[in-house]
Every structure is written in C-alpha cells, then in structure tokens.
Amino acid sequence: MQLTETSVVHSGATRPRVPDCAAQHRIAESAAAFRLRLAGELRERVQARLVNVLIALQLTRERVPPPQAELIDEAVEQARTAIAELRDLVAGLRPAVLAECGLPAAVEALGRRLPLPVDVVGTLPGRLPPAVEAHAYFFVSEALTNVVKHACATRATVALTADGNVLEIGVSDDGIGGAGTTGTGSGLPGLADRIAALGGEFAVSSPAGRGTRLRARIPVP
C-alpha cells in the first residue's frame, strides 16, 4: 500500500491532508524540544535537591530522640515518595533509556513493561535527532497502549527502519482487528494527528479477525 502525505487509510477511506503541515511540524518540534528541556531541568535540579533533602533528613534522624525521630521518619518517607513520583514524571517526558541508549532500546524496555510479548525488529543506522526519537517513542507507546486496551491480542511487533531521511515505524498485533480511524475509543485519530503534525504519513490495516497493522513515516531533518 502506497502512503500519501499525512493520510490515514482504513477500508479504502483517506483522511484529508492537514493544512499548513510545515507550520504544524515546527510547532511539534518546538513542543518536543521544550519537553526535553523540562525533563532535563527536573532531573538535574529538582530531583537533585530532593535527594539532598532526603540525605539531610536521614542524618538528622540519627541525632534526635525517639518522639522527634518518628516525625522525621514520616518526612523521610514523604521525600522518598516525592522522588519516585518525580522520576516517573521525568520518564514520561523523556525516558532515561531513550536519552542514553536510543529508540530501539527504549522501545524494548517499553515492551517489557506490558502484559503481552512485544517483538522489536529492524535496525537503525545510528542515533536519530532527539526530537524525532521522542516523537517516535511516544507514537509507539500510544500504539501499544491501544493494543493492550482494545485488540485482545496475545502478541505485538514493532518494526523500526530508516530509509534515507525518513523513519518508518510499524506496530502490528494478532488481535481482533476491526479498528477504525474515526470516532472515539480506538485512539487511532490521535495517532494520525500526531504524525500529520510532523508532516508524515500514517496508515492502518485492520481487517476484522486478522489483527491490526499501523504504519507511520516520519521525516528526519
């Protein structure tokens, strides 16, 4: 199936091209860059300060009598909870494995957290621009979430390939199929809009009873 620019294909229907793709692409890139900066600031500043607070509380705990120590114990637990929640928040903005190891490793780590096996196939020639990796990662994350919620699948596959200045992503499952690209509930319109905003291409093949296959092509600057 030949994809057309910023199209969604399902049962012969084509989603109209989104106007002014260049402007939407710039907006998406700006949002991704902001998300990366915010994740870095939270990790390097806020998380570091919370860790220092935790250490100070633990040192103080050793020098106070039992009544006050109980209050400090409670503060220590609150600090630990805050650090854990902040790490989860930062991971949602920019997973550490994505920043450190790249897209394939991040997708593999994502798959290991899901309640069904996820195969990651294909190779990339090297690291992609951070914004492209972030967009691709969150596309795959949303697509796999849809598989878990809607597909009744026993297995999913993510394929990553790069062809020149285009990153191609495939997400497929062995579920019930019949996914639609219009209306609410399937999550596919949001995926289509995410790719369209990047000036990319998106297509769906989802015959009833034969699983669903998503394909996205994202330009690489």
N, C-alpha and C. Protein backbone atom coordinates (compact mmCIF):
# COMPACT_ATOMS: atom_id res chain seq x y z
N MET A 1 0.84 -1.20 0.00
CA MET A 1 0.00 0.00 0.00
C MET A 1 0.87 1.24 0.00
N GLN A 2 0.64 2.14 -0.95
CA GLN A 2 1.40 3.37 -1.04
C GLN A 2 0.76 4.43 -0.16
N LEU A 3 1.53 4.98 0.75
CA LEU A 3 1.01 6.02 1.62
C LEU A 3 1.10 7.37 0.93
N THR A 4 0.12 8.21 1.18
CA THR A 4 0.19 9.59 0.71
C THR A 4 0.43 10.48 1.91
N GLU A 5 0.93 11.67 1.66
CA GLU A 5 1.36 12.54 2.75
C GLU A 5 0.24 12.82 3.72
N THR A 6 0.56 12.63 5.02
CA THR A 6 -0.36 12.87 6.13
C THR A 6 -1.73 12.25 5.88
N SER A 7 -1.73 10.99 5.43
CA SER A 7 -3.01 10.33 5.20
C SER A 7 -3.22 9.22 6.19
N VAL A 8 -4.49 8.90 6.45
CA VAL A 8 -4.86 7.74 7.23
C VAL A 8 -5.71 6.87 6.33
N VAL A 9 -5.32 5.61 6.16
CA VAL A 9 -6.03 4.75 5.25
C VAL A 9 -6.65 3.61 6.04
N HIS A 10 -7.95 3.41 5.88
CA HIS A 10 -8.63 2.30 6.55
C HIS A 10 -9.86 1.96 5.73
N SER A 11 -9.94 0.72 5.26
CA SER A 11 -11.08 0.26 4.47
C SER A 11 -11.35 1.18 3.29
N GLY A 12 -10.28 1.65 2.67
CA GLY A 12 -10.43 2.47 1.48
C GLY A 12 -10.66 3.94 1.74
N ALA A 13 -10.80 4.35 3.01
CA ALA A 13 -11.05 5.76 3.31
C ALA A 13 -9.74 6.48 3.52
N THR A 14 -9.65 7.71 3.04
CA THR A 14 -8.43 8.51 3.18
C THR A 14 -8.73 9.76 3.97
N ARG A 15 -7.89 10.03 4.97
CA ARG A 15 -8.05 11.23 5.78
C ARG A 15 -7.50 12.42 5.00
N PRO A 16 -8.22 13.54 4.94
CA PRO A 16 -7.75 14.69 4.18
C PRO A 16 -6.43 15.20 4.71
N ARG A 17 -5.65 15.76 3.82
CA ARG A 17 -4.37 16.34 4.20
C ARG A 17 -4.58 17.50 5.16
N VAL A 18 -3.74 17.55 6.20
CA VAL A 18 -3.83 18.62 7.18
C VAL A 18 -3.20 19.88 6.60
N PRO A 19 -3.89 21.02 6.64
CA PRO A 19 -3.33 22.24 6.07
C PRO A 19 -2.08 22.69 6.81
N ASP A 20 -1.20 23.36 6.06
CA ASP A 20 -0.01 24.00 6.62
C ASP A 20 0.79 23.03 7.48
N CYS A 21 1.22 21.94 6.86
CA CYS A 21 1.97 20.92 7.59
C CYS A 21 3.30 21.46 8.11
N ALA A 22 3.93 22.35 7.35
CA ALA A 22 5.23 22.88 7.77
C ALA A 22 5.10 23.61 9.10
N ALA A 23 4.04 24.41 9.24
CA ALA A 23 3.84 25.14 10.49
C ALA A 23 3.56 24.18 11.64
N GLN A 24 2.72 23.17 11.39
CA GLN A 24 2.41 22.21 12.44
C GLN A 24 3.65 21.41 12.82
N HIS A 25 4.49 21.12 11.84
CA HIS A 25 5.73 20.40 12.13
C HIS A 25 6.63 21.23 13.04
N ARG A 26 6.73 22.53 12.76
CA ARG A 26 7.55 23.40 13.61
C ARG A 26 7.00 23.46 15.02
N ILE A 27 5.68 23.51 15.15
CA ILE A 27 5.06 23.53 16.48
C ILE A 27 5.37 22.24 17.22
N ALA A 28 5.25 21.10 16.52
CA ALA A 28 5.52 19.81 17.16
C ALA A 28 6.97 19.71 17.58
N GLU A 29 7.88 20.18 16.73
CA GLU A 29 9.30 20.14 17.08
C GLU A 29 9.59 21.03 18.28
N SER A 30 8.96 22.20 18.32
CA SER A 30 9.16 23.10 19.45
C SER A 30 8.65 22.47 20.74
N ALA A 31 7.49 21.81 20.67
CA ALA A 31 6.93 21.16 21.86
C ALA A 31 7.84 20.03 22.33
N ALA A 32 8.39 19.27 21.39
CA ALA A 32 9.28 18.17 21.76
C ALA A 32 10.55 18.71 22.41
N ALA A 33 11.10 19.78 21.85
CA ALA A 33 12.31 20.37 22.42
C ALA A 33 12.06 20.89 23.82
N PHE A 34 10.90 21.52 24.02
CA PHE A 34 10.55 22.01 25.36
C PHE A 34 10.43 20.86 26.35
N ARG A 35 9.81 19.75 25.91
CA ARG A 35 9.65 18.59 26.78
C ARG A 35 11.01 18.04 27.19
N LEU A 36 11.95 18.01 26.26
CA LEU A 36 13.30 17.52 26.58
C LEU A 36 13.99 18.43 27.58
N ARG A 37 13.87 19.75 27.36
CA ARG A 37 14.50 20.69 28.29
C ARG A 37 13.88 20.58 29.68
N LEU A 38 12.56 20.46 29.74
CA LEU A 38 11.88 20.35 31.02
C LEU A 38 12.31 19.09 31.76
N ALA A 39 12.40 17.98 31.05
CA ALA A 39 12.84 16.73 31.68
C ALA A 39 14.24 16.88 32.25
N GLY A 40 15.13 17.54 31.50
CA GLY A 40 16.49 17.74 31.99
C GLY A 40 16.53 18.62 33.22
N GLU A 41 15.74 19.70 33.22
CA GLU A 41 15.70 20.60 34.37
C GLU A 41 15.18 19.87 35.61
N LEU A 42 14.12 19.09 35.44
CA LEU A 42 13.56 18.37 36.58
C LEU A 42 14.55 17.36 37.14
N ARG A 43 15.25 16.67 36.23
CA ARG A 43 16.18 15.64 36.68
C ARG A 43 17.41 16.25 37.36
N GLU A 44 17.95 17.31 36.76
CA GLU A 44 19.22 17.84 37.23
C GLU A 44 19.06 18.79 38.42
N ARG A 45 17.93 19.46 38.53
CA ARG A 45 17.76 20.44 39.61
C ARG A 45 16.81 19.95 40.70
N VAL A 46 15.56 19.73 40.33
CA VAL A 46 14.56 19.41 41.35
C VAL A 46 14.85 18.07 41.99
N GLN A 47 15.12 17.06 41.18
CA GLN A 47 15.39 15.73 41.75
C GLN A 47 16.64 15.76 42.62
N ALA A 48 17.67 16.46 42.17
CA ALA A 48 18.90 16.54 42.96
C ALA A 48 18.65 17.20 44.31
N ARG A 49 17.82 18.25 44.34
CA ARG A 49 17.53 18.91 45.61
C ARG A 49 16.73 18.00 46.54
N LEU A 50 15.80 17.26 45.98
CA LEU A 50 15.03 16.33 46.82
C LEU A 50 15.93 15.25 47.41
N VAL A 51 16.88 14.78 46.64
CA VAL A 51 17.82 13.78 47.16
C VAL A 51 18.64 14.38 48.30
N ASN A 52 19.07 15.63 48.15
CA ASN A 52 19.82 16.29 49.23
C ASN A 52 18.97 16.44 50.49
N VAL A 53 17.70 16.78 50.31
CA VAL A 53 16.79 16.87 51.46
C VAL A 53 16.66 15.52 52.15
N LEU A 54 16.52 14.47 51.36
CA LEU A 54 16.40 13.13 51.93
C LEU A 54 17.64 12.76 52.74
N ILE A 55 18.82 13.05 52.20
CA ILE A 55 20.06 12.75 52.92
C ILE A 55 20.13 13.54 54.22
N ALA A 56 19.76 14.82 54.18
CA ALA A 56 19.79 15.65 55.39
C ALA A 56 18.83 15.11 56.44
N LEU A 57 17.66 14.67 56.03
CA LEU A 57 16.71 14.11 56.98
C LEU A 57 17.25 12.83 57.61
N GLN A 58 17.87 12.00 56.81
CA GLN A 58 18.41 10.75 57.34
C GLN A 58 19.54 11.00 58.34
N LEU A 59 20.38 12.00 58.06
CA LEU A 59 21.45 12.34 59.00
C LEU A 59 20.89 12.93 60.29
N THR A 60 19.85 13.76 60.16
CA THR A 60 19.22 14.35 61.35
C THR A 60 18.55 13.28 62.19
N ARG A 61 17.98 12.29 61.54
CA ARG A 61 17.29 11.21 62.24
C ARG A 61 18.19 10.52 63.26
N GLU A 62 19.47 10.45 62.97
CA GLU A 62 20.40 9.75 63.86
C GLU A 62 20.73 10.54 65.12
N ARG A 63 20.34 11.84 65.16
CA ARG A 63 20.77 12.69 66.27
C ARG A 63 19.61 13.23 67.11
N VAL A 64 18.43 12.71 66.92
CA VAL A 64 17.28 13.23 67.67
C VAL A 64 16.65 12.11 68.50
N PRO A 65 15.97 12.47 69.60
CA PRO A 65 15.32 11.46 70.44
C PRO A 65 14.10 10.86 69.74
N PRO A 66 13.60 9.73 70.25
CA PRO A 66 12.52 8.99 69.58
C PRO A 66 11.28 9.80 69.21
N PRO A 67 10.72 10.67 70.08
CA PRO A 67 9.49 11.37 69.66
C PRO A 67 9.67 12.16 68.37
N GLN A 68 10.78 12.91 68.30
CA GLN A 68 11.04 13.69 67.09
C GLN A 68 11.45 12.79 65.92
N ALA A 69 12.08 11.67 66.25
CA ALA A 69 12.53 10.75 65.20
C ALA A 69 11.36 10.21 64.39
N GLU A 70 10.23 10.00 65.06
CA GLU A 70 9.06 9.48 64.34
C GLU A 70 8.59 10.48 63.29
N LEU A 71 8.63 11.76 63.64
CA LEU A 71 8.24 12.78 62.67
C LEU A 71 9.21 12.82 61.49
N ILE A 72 10.49 12.65 61.80
CA ILE A 72 11.49 12.65 60.72
C ILE A 72 11.32 11.42 59.84
N ASP A 73 11.00 10.28 60.45
CA ASP A 73 10.75 9.07 59.66
C ASP A 73 9.63 9.31 58.65
N GLU A 74 8.59 9.99 59.10
CA GLU A 74 7.48 10.29 58.19
C GLU A 74 7.93 11.22 57.07
N ALA A 75 8.75 12.22 57.42
CA ALA A 75 9.27 13.13 56.40
C ALA A 75 10.16 12.40 55.40
N VAL A 76 10.95 11.45 55.89
CA VAL A 76 11.81 10.65 55.00
C VAL A 76 10.97 9.89 53.99
N GLU A 77 9.89 9.27 54.46
CA GLU A 77 9.03 8.51 53.55
C GLU A 77 8.37 9.42 52.52
N GLN A 78 7.96 10.62 52.97
CA GLN A 78 7.37 11.57 52.03
C GLN A 78 8.39 12.00 50.98
N ALA A 79 9.63 12.21 51.40
CA ALA A 79 10.67 12.60 50.45
C ALA A 79 10.94 11.49 49.45
N ARG A 80 10.98 10.25 49.92
CA ARG A 80 11.20 9.12 49.01
C ARG A 80 10.06 9.00 48.00
N THR A 81 8.83 9.20 48.48
CA THR A 81 7.68 9.14 47.58
C THR A 81 7.75 10.24 46.53
N ALA A 82 8.13 11.44 46.97
CA ALA A 82 8.23 12.57 46.03
C ALA A 82 9.29 12.30 44.97
N ILE A 83 10.43 11.72 45.37
CA ILE A 83 11.49 11.41 44.42
C ILE A 83 11.01 10.36 43.41
N ALA A 84 10.32 9.33 43.89
CA ALA A 84 9.82 8.29 43.00
C ALA A 84 8.80 8.86 42.01
N GLU A 85 7.90 9.72 42.50
CA GLU A 85 6.90 10.31 41.62
C GLU A 85 7.55 11.23 40.59
N LEU A 86 8.57 11.97 41.02
CA LEU A 86 9.26 12.85 40.08
C LEU A 86 9.98 12.04 39.01
N ARG A 87 10.59 10.92 39.39
CA ARG A 87 11.26 10.08 38.40
C ARG A 87 10.27 9.54 37.38
N ASP A 88 9.07 9.16 37.85
CA ASP A 88 8.05 8.69 36.92
C ASP A 88 7.63 9.81 35.96
N LEU A 89 7.50 11.02 36.51
CA LEU A 89 7.12 12.16 35.67
C LEU A 89 8.19 12.44 34.61
N VAL A 90 9.45 12.43 35.03
CA VAL A 90 10.55 12.68 34.08
C VAL A 90 10.60 11.58 33.03
N ALA A 91 10.37 10.33 33.45
CA ALA A 91 10.38 9.23 32.50
C ALA A 91 9.29 9.40 31.45
N GLY A 92 8.14 9.96 31.86
CA GLY A 92 7.08 10.21 30.90
C GLY A 92 7.43 11.30 29.91
N LEU A 93 8.23 12.27 30.34
CA LEU A 93 8.64 13.35 29.45
C LEU A 93 9.78 12.93 28.54
N ARG A 94 10.73 12.20 29.10
CA ARG A 94 11.92 11.78 28.35
C ARG A 94 12.53 10.59 29.06
N PRO A 95 12.13 9.37 28.70
CA PRO A 95 12.68 8.19 29.38
C PRO A 95 14.20 8.18 29.34
N ALA A 96 14.82 7.85 30.46
CA ALA A 96 16.29 7.86 30.53
C ALA A 96 16.90 6.92 29.51
N VAL A 97 16.28 5.75 29.31
CA VAL A 97 16.85 4.79 28.36
C VAL A 97 16.80 5.33 26.94
N LEU A 98 15.82 6.17 26.63
CA LEU A 98 15.75 6.79 25.31
C LEU A 98 16.91 7.76 25.12
N ALA A 99 17.16 8.58 26.14
CA ALA A 99 18.24 9.56 26.05
C ALA A 99 19.61 8.88 25.99
N GLU A 100 19.77 7.80 26.75
CA GLU A 100 21.08 7.18 26.88
C GLU A 100 21.37 6.13 25.81
N CYS A 101 20.34 5.39 25.38
CA CYS A 101 20.59 4.23 24.52
C CYS A 101 19.91 4.30 23.16
N GLY A 102 18.99 5.22 22.96
CA GLY A 102 18.35 5.35 21.66
C GLY A 102 17.00 4.69 21.57
N LEU A 103 16.37 4.84 20.40
CA LEU A 103 14.99 4.43 20.20
C LEU A 103 14.77 2.92 20.32
N PRO A 104 15.54 2.06 19.64
CA PRO A 104 15.25 0.62 19.75
C PRO A 104 15.31 0.11 21.19
N ALA A 105 16.33 0.52 21.94
CA ALA A 105 16.45 0.07 23.33
C ALA A 105 15.28 0.58 24.17
N ALA A 106 14.85 1.81 23.92
CA ALA A 106 13.74 2.37 24.69
C ALA A 106 12.44 1.63 24.38
N VAL A 107 12.23 1.27 23.12
CA VAL A 107 11.02 0.53 22.75
C VAL A 107 11.06 -0.87 23.36
N GLU A 108 12.23 -1.50 23.38
CA GLU A 108 12.35 -2.81 24.01
C GLU A 108 12.02 -2.73 25.50
N ALA A 109 12.52 -1.69 26.17
CA ALA A 109 12.22 -1.51 27.59
C ALA A 109 10.73 -1.27 27.80
N LEU A 110 10.13 -0.51 26.91
CA LEU A 110 8.68 -0.27 26.99
C LEU A 110 7.92 -1.58 26.85
N GLY A 111 8.32 -2.40 25.89
CA GLY A 111 7.63 -3.67 25.66
C GLY A 111 7.71 -4.60 26.85
N ARG A 112 8.83 -4.57 27.57
CA ARG A 112 8.98 -5.46 28.73
C ARG A 112 8.03 -5.11 29.86
N ARG A 113 7.51 -3.89 29.85
CA ARG A 113 6.59 -3.48 30.91
C ARG A 113 5.13 -3.81 30.60
N LEU A 114 4.87 -4.33 29.41
CA LEU A 114 3.49 -4.59 29.00
C LEU A 114 3.08 -6.03 29.32
N PRO A 115 1.78 -6.28 29.42
CA PRO A 115 1.31 -7.62 29.80
C PRO A 115 1.24 -8.61 28.65
N LEU A 116 1.88 -8.33 27.52
CA LEU A 116 1.94 -9.28 26.42
C LEU A 116 3.31 -9.16 25.76
N PRO A 117 3.78 -10.23 25.11
CA PRO A 117 5.11 -10.16 24.47
C PRO A 117 5.12 -9.13 23.34
N VAL A 118 6.21 -8.37 23.26
CA VAL A 118 6.40 -7.39 22.19
C VAL A 118 7.75 -7.65 21.53
N ASP A 119 7.73 -7.98 20.25
CA ASP A 119 8.96 -8.17 19.49
C ASP A 119 9.36 -6.85 18.84
N VAL A 120 10.62 -6.50 18.95
CA VAL A 120 11.14 -5.29 18.31
C VAL A 120 12.12 -5.73 17.23
N VAL A 121 11.81 -5.39 15.99
CA VAL A 121 12.62 -5.85 14.86
C VAL A 121 13.08 -4.66 14.03
N GLY A 122 14.06 -4.92 13.17
CA GLY A 122 14.59 -3.86 12.32
C GLY A 122 15.83 -3.24 12.92
N THR A 123 16.53 -2.49 12.12
CA THR A 123 17.74 -1.81 12.58
C THR A 123 17.73 -0.36 12.10
N LEU A 124 18.38 0.48 12.87
CA LEU A 124 18.56 1.88 12.50
C LEU A 124 20.05 2.13 12.31
N PRO A 125 20.42 3.03 11.41
CA PRO A 125 21.84 3.25 11.12
C PRO A 125 22.60 3.94 12.25
N GLY A 126 21.90 4.50 13.20
CA GLY A 126 22.54 5.22 14.30
C GLY A 126 21.50 6.02 15.05
N ARG A 127 21.96 6.94 15.89
CA ARG A 127 21.04 7.77 16.65
C ARG A 127 20.34 8.76 15.74
N LEU A 128 19.08 9.01 16.06
CA LEU A 128 18.28 10.00 15.35
C LEU A 128 18.26 11.29 16.16
N PRO A 129 17.83 12.41 15.55
CA PRO A 129 17.69 13.64 16.33
C PRO A 129 16.79 13.40 17.54
N PRO A 130 17.12 14.00 18.69
CA PRO A 130 16.34 13.75 19.91
C PRO A 130 14.85 13.97 19.75
N ALA A 131 14.45 15.01 19.04
CA ALA A 131 13.02 15.28 18.87
C ALA A 131 12.34 14.17 18.08
N VAL A 132 13.02 13.65 17.05
CA VAL A 132 12.45 12.56 16.25
C VAL A 132 12.32 11.30 17.10
N GLU A 133 13.36 11.00 17.89
CA GLU A 133 13.28 9.84 18.77
C GLU A 133 12.12 9.97 19.75
N ALA A 134 11.94 11.17 20.30
CA ALA A 134 10.86 11.37 21.26
C ALA A 134 9.50 11.17 20.60
N HIS A 135 9.29 11.77 19.42
CA HIS A 135 8.02 11.60 18.73
C HIS A 135 7.76 10.13 18.42
N ALA A 136 8.79 9.44 17.93
CA ALA A 136 8.63 8.03 17.58
C ALA A 136 8.31 7.19 18.81
N TYR A 137 9.02 7.46 19.90
CA TYR A 137 8.80 6.69 21.13
C TYR A 137 7.37 6.84 21.62
N PHE A 138 6.87 8.07 21.67
CA PHE A 138 5.52 8.27 22.20
C PHE A 138 4.46 7.76 21.22
N PHE A 139 4.76 7.76 19.93
CA PHE A 139 3.85 7.13 18.97
C PHE A 139 3.74 5.63 19.27
N VAL A 140 4.88 4.97 19.43
CA VAL A 140 4.88 3.53 19.72
C VAL A 140 4.19 3.26 21.06
N SER A 141 4.47 4.10 22.06
CA SER A 141 3.85 3.92 23.37
C SER A 141 2.33 3.99 23.28
N GLU A 142 1.81 4.98 22.57
CA GLU A 142 0.36 5.11 22.42
C GLU A 142 -0.21 3.94 21.63
N ALA A 143 0.51 3.53 20.58
CA ALA A 143 0.02 2.42 19.75
C ALA A 143 -0.05 1.13 20.56
N LEU A 144 0.98 0.85 21.36
CA LEU A 144 0.97 -0.37 22.17
C LEU A 144 -0.08 -0.30 23.28
N THR A 145 -0.31 0.89 23.81
CA THR A 145 -1.38 1.05 24.79
C THR A 145 -2.72 0.69 24.16
N ASN A 146 -2.93 1.10 22.91
CA ASN A 146 -4.16 0.74 22.20
C ASN A 146 -4.27 -0.77 22.02
N VAL A 147 -3.14 -1.42 21.73
CA VAL A 147 -3.16 -2.88 21.58
C VAL A 147 -3.64 -3.53 22.87
N VAL A 148 -3.07 -3.10 23.99
CA VAL A 148 -3.42 -3.69 25.27
C VAL A 148 -4.89 -3.44 25.61
N LYS A 149 -5.38 -2.24 25.32
CA LYS A 149 -6.73 -1.86 25.72
C LYS A 149 -7.81 -2.40 24.81
N HIS A 150 -7.52 -2.50 23.50
CA HIS A 150 -8.61 -2.75 22.55
C HIS A 150 -8.46 -4.01 21.70
N ALA A 151 -7.25 -4.54 21.53
CA ALA A 151 -7.04 -5.53 20.47
C ALA A 151 -7.31 -6.97 20.89
N CYS A 152 -7.34 -7.25 22.20
CA CYS A 152 -7.45 -8.64 22.67
C CYS A 152 -6.36 -9.50 22.03
N ALA A 153 -5.16 -8.95 21.95
CA ALA A 153 -4.05 -9.62 21.27
C ALA A 153 -3.23 -10.45 22.25
N THR A 154 -2.49 -11.41 21.70
CA THR A 154 -1.56 -12.20 22.51
C THR A 154 -0.11 -11.83 22.22
N ARG A 155 0.12 -11.03 21.18
CA ARG A 155 1.48 -10.65 20.82
C ARG A 155 1.45 -9.41 19.94
N ALA A 156 2.50 -8.60 20.05
CA ALA A 156 2.63 -7.41 19.20
C ALA A 156 4.05 -7.33 18.67
N THR A 157 4.20 -6.62 17.56
CA THR A 157 5.51 -6.44 16.94
C THR A 157 5.70 -4.98 16.59
N VAL A 158 6.89 -4.46 16.89
CA VAL A 158 7.26 -3.10 16.49
C VAL A 158 8.44 -3.21 15.53
N ALA A 159 8.29 -2.62 14.36
CA ALA A 159 9.35 -2.62 13.35
C ALA A 159 9.87 -1.20 13.17
N LEU A 160 11.18 -1.04 13.23
CA LEU A 160 11.82 0.27 13.07
C LEU A 160 12.83 0.20 11.94
N THR A 161 12.65 1.04 10.94
CA THR A 161 13.60 1.10 9.83
C THR A 161 13.78 2.55 9.41
N ALA A 162 14.93 2.84 8.84
CA ALA A 162 15.21 4.19 8.33
C ALA A 162 15.59 4.08 6.87
N ASP A 163 14.94 4.90 6.05
CA ASP A 163 15.19 4.91 4.62
C ASP A 163 15.54 6.34 4.22
N GLY A 164 16.83 6.62 4.10
CA GLY A 164 17.23 7.98 3.77
C GLY A 164 16.88 8.93 4.89
N ASN A 165 16.06 9.90 4.60
CA ASN A 165 15.68 10.89 5.60
C ASN A 165 14.27 10.64 6.14
N VAL A 166 13.86 9.38 6.17
CA VAL A 166 12.54 9.02 6.68
C VAL A 166 12.68 7.85 7.66
N LEU A 167 12.04 7.99 8.82
CA LEU A 167 11.94 6.90 9.78
C LEU A 167 10.59 6.22 9.59
N GLU A 168 10.60 4.92 9.40
CA GLU A 168 9.35 4.17 9.24
C GLU A 168 9.12 3.30 10.46
N ILE A 169 7.91 3.36 10.98
CA ILE A 169 7.53 2.61 12.18
C ILE A 169 6.33 1.74 11.84
N GLY A 170 6.40 0.48 12.21
CA GLY A 170 5.26 -0.41 12.07
C GLY A 170 4.91 -1.00 13.42
N VAL A 171 3.64 -0.99 13.77
CA VAL A 171 3.17 -1.62 15.00
C VAL A 171 2.02 -2.55 14.62
N SER A 172 2.19 -3.83 14.87
CA SER A 172 1.17 -4.80 14.47
C SER A 172 0.84 -5.72 15.64
N ASP A 173 -0.34 -6.33 15.57
CA ASP A 173 -0.75 -7.27 16.61
C ASP A 173 -1.57 -8.39 15.99
N ASP A 174 -1.80 -9.44 16.78
CA ASP A 174 -2.58 -10.59 16.31
C ASP A 174 -3.98 -10.59 16.92
N GLY A 175 -4.50 -9.40 17.17
CA GLY A 175 -5.79 -9.29 17.86
C GLY A 175 -6.99 -9.41 16.95
N ILE A 176 -8.09 -8.80 17.40
CA ILE A 176 -9.38 -9.00 16.75
C ILE A 176 -9.58 -8.12 15.51
N GLY A 177 -8.72 -7.13 15.31
CA GLY A 177 -8.85 -6.27 14.14
C GLY A 177 -10.09 -5.38 14.23
N GLY A 178 -10.49 -4.86 13.08
CA GLY A 178 -11.68 -4.03 13.03
C GLY A 178 -11.51 -2.65 13.61
N ALA A 179 -10.26 -2.18 13.76
CA ALA A 179 -10.03 -0.85 14.33
C ALA A 179 -10.43 0.22 13.33
N GLY A 180 -11.00 1.32 13.82
CA GLY A 180 -11.42 2.42 12.97
C GLY A 180 -10.57 3.64 13.20
N THR A 181 -10.51 4.52 12.23
CA THR A 181 -9.73 5.75 12.35
C THR A 181 -10.61 6.96 12.58
N THR A 182 -11.91 6.74 12.74
CA THR A 182 -12.81 7.85 13.02
C THR A 182 -13.52 7.56 14.32
N GLY A 183 -14.05 8.61 14.93
CA GLY A 183 -14.76 8.45 16.18
C GLY A 183 -13.80 8.35 17.35
N THR A 184 -14.33 7.98 18.50
CA THR A 184 -13.52 7.89 19.71
C THR A 184 -13.44 6.46 20.18
N GLY A 185 -12.47 6.20 21.05
CA GLY A 185 -12.38 4.87 21.65
C GLY A 185 -11.17 4.10 21.22
N SER A 186 -10.79 4.17 19.94
CA SER A 186 -9.66 3.37 19.47
C SER A 186 -8.33 4.05 19.69
N GLY A 187 -8.31 5.37 19.82
CA GLY A 187 -7.06 6.10 19.96
C GLY A 187 -6.35 6.37 18.65
N LEU A 188 -6.86 5.82 17.54
CA LEU A 188 -6.17 5.99 16.26
C LEU A 188 -6.23 7.41 15.71
N PRO A 189 -7.33 8.14 15.86
CA PRO A 189 -7.30 9.53 15.36
C PRO A 189 -6.19 10.36 15.99
N GLY A 190 -5.94 10.16 17.28
CA GLY A 190 -4.86 10.90 17.93
C GLY A 190 -3.50 10.54 17.37
N LEU A 191 -3.29 9.26 17.07
CA LEU A 191 -2.03 8.84 16.45
C LEU A 191 -1.88 9.46 15.07
N ALA A 192 -2.98 9.47 14.32
CA ALA A 192 -2.93 10.07 12.98
C ALA A 192 -2.59 11.55 13.06
N ASP A 193 -3.19 12.25 14.02
CA ASP A 193 -2.91 13.68 14.16
C ASP A 193 -1.47 13.92 14.58
N ARG A 194 -0.93 13.05 15.44
CA ARG A 194 0.47 13.21 15.88
C ARG A 194 1.41 13.14 14.67
N ILE A 195 1.19 12.17 13.80
CA ILE A 195 2.06 12.01 12.63
C ILE A 195 1.82 13.12 11.62
N ALA A 196 0.56 13.51 11.43
CA ALA A 196 0.25 14.58 10.49
C ALA A 196 0.92 15.88 10.89
N ALA A 197 0.99 16.14 12.19
CA ALA A 197 1.61 17.37 12.67
C ALA A 197 3.10 17.42 12.36
N LEU A 198 3.69 16.26 12.10
CA LEU A 198 5.12 16.19 11.76
C LEU A 198 5.34 16.21 10.25
N GLY A 199 4.27 16.32 9.48
CA GLY A 199 4.40 16.26 8.04
C GLY A 199 4.64 14.85 7.56
N GLY A 200 4.21 13.87 8.34
CA GLY A 200 4.45 12.48 8.00
C GLY A 200 3.25 11.79 7.40
N GLU A 201 3.32 10.47 7.34
CA GLU A 201 2.28 9.65 6.73
C GLU A 201 1.88 8.55 7.70
N PHE A 202 0.59 8.22 7.71
CA PHE A 202 0.07 7.24 8.65
C PHE A 202 -0.99 6.40 7.96
N ALA A 203 -0.94 5.09 8.14
CA ALA A 203 -1.93 4.21 7.52
C ALA A 203 -2.28 3.08 8.47
N VAL A 204 -3.49 2.57 8.32
CA VAL A 204 -4.00 1.49 9.17
C VAL A 204 -4.54 0.39 8.28
N SER A 205 -4.19 -0.84 8.61
CA SER A 205 -4.82 -2.01 8.01
C SER A 205 -5.35 -2.86 9.16
N SER A 206 -6.67 -3.06 9.21
CA SER A 206 -7.26 -3.74 10.36
C SER A 206 -8.48 -4.56 9.97
N PRO A 207 -8.30 -5.59 9.13
CA PRO A 207 -9.44 -6.43 8.78
C PRO A 207 -9.96 -7.18 10.00
N ALA A 208 -11.26 -7.32 10.09
CA ALA A 208 -11.87 -7.98 11.24
C ALA A 208 -11.33 -9.40 11.40
N GLY A 209 -10.91 -9.71 12.62
CA GLY A 209 -10.43 -11.05 12.94
C GLY A 209 -9.01 -11.33 12.52
N ARG A 210 -8.31 -10.34 11.96
CA ARG A 210 -6.96 -10.60 11.43
C ARG A 210 -5.92 -9.61 11.96
N GLY A 211 -6.20 -9.01 13.09
CA GLY A 211 -5.21 -8.13 13.70
C GLY A 211 -5.18 -6.75 13.07
N THR A 212 -4.33 -5.92 13.63
CA THR A 212 -4.20 -4.53 13.16
C THR A 212 -2.74 -4.22 12.89
N ARG A 213 -2.51 -3.48 11.81
CA ARG A 213 -1.16 -3.03 11.49
C ARG A 213 -1.18 -1.53 11.27
N LEU A 214 -0.34 -0.82 12.03
CA LEU A 214 -0.17 0.62 11.86
C LEU A 214 1.17 0.87 11.19
N ARG A 215 1.18 1.82 10.27
CA ARG A 215 2.43 2.23 9.63
C ARG A 215 2.54 3.74 9.68
N ALA A 216 3.70 4.22 10.09
CA ALA A 216 3.94 5.66 10.13
C ALA A 216 5.30 5.95 9.50
N ARG A 217 5.36 7.04 8.77
CA ARG A 217 6.61 7.51 8.18
C ARG A 217 6.84 8.94 8.66
N ILE A 218 7.97 9.16 9.32
CA ILE A 218 8.28 10.46 9.92
C ILE A 218 9.52 11.03 9.24
N PRO A 219 9.44 12.26 8.72
CA PRO A 219 10.63 12.88 8.12
C PRO A 219 11.72 13.09 9.18
N VAL A 220 12.96 12.84 8.79
CA VAL A 220 14.11 13.06 9.67
C VAL A 220 14.89 14.26 9.12
N PRO A 221 14.96 15.35 9.87
CA PRO A 221 15.66 16.54 9.37
C PRO A 221 17.13 16.26 9.08
